Amino acid sequence: MSYQTLVTPEQLAAHIDDPQWVVFDCRFTLTDLEAGHRSYLKEHIKGSHYADLEKDLSSPVTPGSGRHPLPDPQQLAEKLSAWGVGKHSQVVVYDDSFGAIACRLWWLLRWLGHRDVAFLDGGLPRWTREGYGLSSSASDSNPARFEPRVDDTLWVTSQFVEQLSQSEQGILIDARAEERFSGEREPLDKVAGHVPGAINIPYDDNLAFNGQLLEAEELREVYAVATDPKAAQDVVHMCGSGVTACHNILAMELAGLKGSKLYVGSWSEWITDKRRSIISPTTSSPG
């Protein structure tokens, strides 16, 4: 049996020594870039490998790009091979922020054509809360051969979003917190606000009080704006830099609303061109 959205701690624990299961620790803090790796070195789920958001799951920032451009697919494929991910691997990703970071790797693997990847529902907090142990030992790798089958239909460009914003021939969902979406507060990017026509569904709206993903029926209510399969395919997700938006894509998949796309550059790319319109507390004209 393969898993393509979620796994529970119990399911992962049952396969913790299974060589076909490859686990990734994706802990990361935007305000302390080495904190996640330090935490991993201290303790992690047995056998897991550390995947760094900026070093592994993104490529360097370039003029006109967002803060987390897509990684080079061949370079990421080589890393996945070294970590032991092959054609038949079941991949599991986790973090300590309820999927905010780990879902980026979940999406990237799908982009590279690997569908058997799932998020550990509830993340590391649930794993430890349910009594499963951690390890400080180095994780062994059994090198495999990962052959990427890149699917660039899963993401869109700023030009596509400009057309969507002007034509209203689709739905643009922004996963950032409400105060960032409104422009009242912007701790990360130089310009505050949102893309005209965007709808705000913060990624943590996907979560129950215990930090686990809501049930499918509840998620369909969250995404009521796209409750039929055709509408789901017209949805584009964004956030600050193409990371937490992946959480919303996972949530829609769980809700049975398949086929939505990622605006990789997201807000941090949108604002690199001052000709693009923004909505903020101070202006609704071109930024």
Foldseek 3Di string as FASTA:
>chain_A
DFDQAEDELVVCVVCVVPLLEAEEEEAADPVDGCVSVVVVLAKDAAQYDYARQAPAQADPDDQLFAHGHGDDLVVNQQVCQQQAHAQRHQYEYFYQQLQLFRLSVSVVCVQQVRRRYYYHFLGPVNNVVVPHDIDNDDHDGDGHHYHGDGDPLQADEPVVVLCCLVVVQAAEEEQEDPCQQQQVDDPDAPGGHFAHRHHYDHLCLQADPSSGGDALVSLCVSVVVQNDQVRLLRYEYAYRAFRSSSSNQSSCVNNVRDNYHYHRRHPRSQVSDQQGAGRYPVDRHRD
